[in-house]
Amino acid sequence: ISSFYLGSVLTGLTVRREAEAEFDAQYLVMKQEIEHLIMEAKKKSESDSSYAIAKHILPGNHKNIPPPESRIGPNGEKGYVHNPRFLKDHPKPFRILEDQKQDVCLPPGKSLELPEGYAALRKIRTYIETSHEDRDVKLFCGIYTYSGGVEKTTAISETWGKKCDGLLFASDNSDLGTGHVHLPSNSRNGFGYKGMVQRTRTILAYLYDNFLDDYDFFHISGDDAYLIVENLKEFLASKKVKQWDDTPGNYAFAGFVYQHHKFKEQDYLAGGSGYTMSKKMLKAYVEGPLQTCDPMREGPQEDITTSECARLLNERYFVDTRDSVGAHRYHQCPVQEHATFPKITWGLGTRILDAALKHQERRYGFPVVYRDAYISNSSVAFHRLSAAQMRRYDMLLYLDGYAECGDMFIAKETVEIV
């Protein structure tokens, strides 16, 4: 064999070994990069609420829920999915309508809230302004309404609604001007009061199909609730809620516990102030009880149905929403009723409330509290409010009454706080 041939072979082997070594080095770098990406993705999936999670039910496959194409958009488009940030991105300014001035602009404690209610709202305002607790959660607010509820949904848009990270006005038509979204159910009662069970099922399926990945919590209420969004976010971001939701088998479902009107030893989360679900809870609920728990049921009592079905996930189906001193956050009446009962008896609403408090004490050991001890400084919701009352609450909680109303807001005599 010639020396030239041997030299060529050795040179070829050397080049080959160098190429293999370079390939091995590149492979090692690539492997390390892939492992790094996998690790980062794993960290993201564990810590980032926006990371996509696997859903087991596709749109259109829910039990007794209309298919997506039944939703009609403002321009007649089928399968409409609204922009949940429509109000967040384009907030509406606070207004006092001329025909509501008498209700909104009276001096503090001289309107429907009474002196006692004003005192409670004043404490809540101080808490909002001074609390430094974490409020860093993404909240979706789903509100059931109809085309006749525009006065209230407009008031919501101009007050608390724009503070929600996502918002839905589930209605019988789609209208970009009002923000209403056509969201039909399979109820034979249509959009009426007796169709509320099926309407709520449809809302939960719509949120699951389209927004589950994007929000941490979902609050469901009617259009006569006033939400104090800062306090709700603070409660949902608390260690108490996080520990509850992180516990295997637990699901964060929050609200006020009512005694069942028929089965006295049972209870449910009242729909008046609304109830709040974590992402984990919404996913488990839609993939489980929504499909199997009496999906054909009709009627107005969506809160009873939702709670009965939630109990299939865990018998202790709710997280305690009271504050550290045992005061309540989710309120089923206007502030004046909570602030004065039982000194003043207001009728059916406070009788149901009283029965609920005594039921909570018997079954869960929650002490019965009234008036100042009942209303938490970190309250999150009040119920049964008109559009004017929503504006009144918003002004008393956040704004300068004199700047908004002028001399009408100045009391001619000192408000006596009882």
Foldseek 3Di string as FASTA:
>chain_A
DDPVVVVVVVVVVVVVVVVVVVVVVVVVVVVVVVVVVVVVLVVCVVPPLLDDDDADDAAPRFAQWHGQQVWAAPVRGGSDDDDQLLCLVPADAFAQDPVLCVQQQAAQQPHPCHLLNLVLLLLLLVCLVPDPFDLPFAEEEEAEDEPVCLLLLVLCSNFVVNVHNGYAHAYCHHDSVSRHTRQWGNDPVTSDLFAAQRSVLSVLVSCVNPPLSPGFKYWYAYSFKAFPSSLVSRLCPDPQNVVQCPDPLGWAKDAAWFADPPPRLDIWHDRFQTIMGGSVLSSCLRVPLCRPVPVVDTGNRNGVSSRVSQCVSPVPRYGDQADPLLAHARENARSNCQQCPPVPDDPDVVVRVQSSQVSCCVPPVRHRDGHPRHYDSSHTMHGDHGSSVSSNSRCSNPHDSCVNNNPSHDDPDDRDND
